[in-house]
C-alpha atoms as a PDB file:
ATOM      1  CA  UNK A   1      -7.236  -8.084 -32.284  1.00  0.00           C
ATOM      2  CA  UNK A   2      -8.310  -5.853 -29.405  1.00  0.00           C
ATOM      3  CA  UNK A   3     -11.372  -3.649 -29.908  1.00  0.00           C
ATOM      4  CA  UNK A   4     -11.855  -0.183 -28.416  1.00  0.00           C
ATOM      5  CA  UNK A   5     -15.010   1.908 -28.361  1.00  0.00           C
ATOM      6  CA  UNK A   6     -14.403   5.655 -28.292  1.00  0.00           C
ATOM      7  CA  UNK A   7     -16.867   8.302 -27.186  1.00  0.00           C
ATOM      8  CA  UNK A   8     -16.275  11.983 -27.892  1.00  0.00           C
ATOM      9  CA  UNK A   9     -18.075  14.706 -25.944  1.00  0.00           C
ATOM     10  CA  UNK A  10     -17.098  17.909 -27.794  1.00  0.00           C
ATOM     11  CA  UNK A  11     -16.752  21.255 -26.113  1.00  0.00           C
ATOM     12  CA  UNK A  12     -14.603  22.964 -23.536  1.00  0.00           C
ATOM     13  CA  UNK A  13     -15.812  20.695 -20.721  1.00  0.00           C
ATOM     14  CA  UNK A  14     -15.909  17.596 -22.929  1.00  0.00           C
ATOM     15  CA  UNK A  15     -13.523  14.695 -23.269  1.00  0.00           C
ATOM     16  CA  UNK A  16     -12.514  11.679 -25.300  1.00  0.00           C
ATOM     17  CA  UNK A  17     -12.841   8.305 -23.579  1.00  0.00           C
ATOM     18  CA  UNK A  18     -12.136   4.757 -24.716  1.00  0.00           C
ATOM     19  CA  UNK A  19     -13.424   1.486 -23.303  1.00  0.00           C
ATOM     20  CA  UNK A  20     -12.525  -2.076 -24.189  1.00  0.00           C
ATOM     21  CA  UNK A  21     -14.957  -4.863 -25.073  1.00  0.00           C
ATOM     22  CA  UNK A  22     -15.449  -5.602 -21.354  1.00  0.00           C
ATOM     23  CA  UNK A  23     -16.583  -2.007 -20.775  1.00  0.00           C
ATOM     24  CA  UNK A  24     -13.479  -1.032 -18.813  1.00  0.00           C
ATOM     25  CA  UNK A  25     -12.172   2.509 -19.317  1.00  0.00           C
ATOM     26  CA  UNK A  26      -8.732   2.207 -20.893  1.00  0.00           C
ATOM     27  CA  UNK A  27      -7.974   5.877 -21.591  1.00  0.00           C
ATOM     28  CA  UNK A  28      -9.446   9.362 -21.437  1.00  0.00           C
ATOM     29  CA  UNK A  29      -8.382  12.887 -22.239  1.00  0.00           C
ATOM     30  CA  UNK A  30     -10.042  16.280 -21.704  1.00  0.00           C
ATOM     31  CA  UNK A  31     -10.835  18.482 -24.702  1.00  0.00           C
ATOM     32  CA  UNK A  32     -10.269  21.742 -22.811  1.00  0.00           C
ATOM     33  CA  UNK A  33      -8.028  23.873 -25.065  1.00  0.00           C
ATOM     34  CA  UNK A  34      -6.227  25.127 -21.935  1.00  0.00           C
ATOM     35  CA  UNK A  35      -5.142  21.542 -21.171  1.00  0.00           C
ATOM     36  CA  UNK A  36      -4.628  19.917 -24.585  1.00  0.00           C
ATOM     37  CA  UNK A  37      -3.862  20.981 -28.149  1.00  0.00           C
ATOM     38  CA  UNK A  38      -5.379  19.626 -31.350  1.00  0.00           C
ATOM     39  CA  UNK A  39      -2.108  17.747 -31.913  1.00  0.00           C
ATOM     40  CA  UNK A  40      -2.407  16.173 -28.435  1.00  0.00           C
ATOM     41  CA  UNK A  41      -5.915  15.015 -29.324  1.00  0.00           C
ATOM     42  CA  UNK A  42      -4.841  13.679 -32.719  1.00  0.00           C
ATOM     43  CA  UNK A  43      -1.875  11.817 -31.202  1.00  0.00           C
ATOM     44  CA  UNK A  44      -4.133  10.393 -28.465  1.00  0.00           C
ATOM     45  CA  UNK A  45      -6.600   9.005 -31.038  1.00  0.00           C
ATOM     46  CA  UNK A  46      -3.803   7.671 -33.261  1.00  0.00           C
ATOM     47  CA  UNK A  47      -2.267   5.822 -30.300  1.00  0.00           C
ATOM     48  CA  UNK A  48      -5.648   4.307 -29.397  1.00  0.00           C
ATOM     49  CA  UNK A  49      -6.234   3.131 -32.963  1.00  0.00           C
ATOM     50  CA  UNK A  50      -2.772   1.663 -33.519  1.00  0.00           C
ATOM     51  CA  UNK A  51      -3.180  -2.064 -34.208  1.00  0.00           C
ATOM     52  CA  UNK A  52      -6.760  -2.159 -32.902  1.00  0.00           C
ATOM     53  CA  UNK A  53     -10.261  -2.247 -34.277  1.00  0.00           C
ATOM     54  CA  UNK A  54     -11.886   1.016 -33.201  1.00  0.00           C
ATOM     55  CA  UNK A  55     -15.469   2.246 -33.245  1.00  0.00           C
ATOM     56  CA  UNK A  56     -16.175   5.866 -32.367  1.00  0.00           C
ATOM     57  CA  UNK A  57     -19.224   7.999 -31.635  1.00  0.00           C
ATOM     58  CA  UNK A  58     -19.455  11.775 -31.484  1.00  0.00           C
ATOM     59  CA  UNK A  59     -22.116  13.351 -29.274  1.00  0.00           C
ATOM     60  CA  UNK A  60     -24.646  15.421 -31.206  1.00  0.00           C
ATOM     61  CA  UNK A  61     -24.564  18.814 -29.545  1.00  0.00           C
ATOM     62  CA  UNK A  62     -27.778  20.783 -29.060  1.00  0.00           C
ATOM     63  CA  UNK A  63     -28.837  23.740 -26.974  1.00  0.00           C
ATOM     64  CA  UNK A  64     -31.307  23.465 -24.128  1.00  0.00           C
ATOM     65  CA  UNK A  65     -33.616  25.917 -22.341  1.00  0.00           C
ATOM     66  CA  UNK A  66     -31.163  25.959 -19.404  1.00  0.00           C
ATOM     67  CA  UNK A  67     -28.625  27.561 -21.746  1.00  0.00           C
ATOM     68  CA  UNK A  68     -30.912  30.513 -22.299  1.00  0.00           C
ATOM     69  CA  UNK A  69     -31.617  29.602 -25.919  1.00  0.00           C
END
């Protein structure tokens, strides 16, 4: 069974990316709501997970002094 590792960088400039066990990027998709819908994102993740073992990580978002916070 093929294994994919998915990383999710939330936010308008974020993306979803998947790599295989060799570390090769196999797929990616922007999260910009002007480019993709929630259904697009859901379908993308479902396709990646179909028949594969999948591990995913979501970036913990925090503000920084550069953001004026």
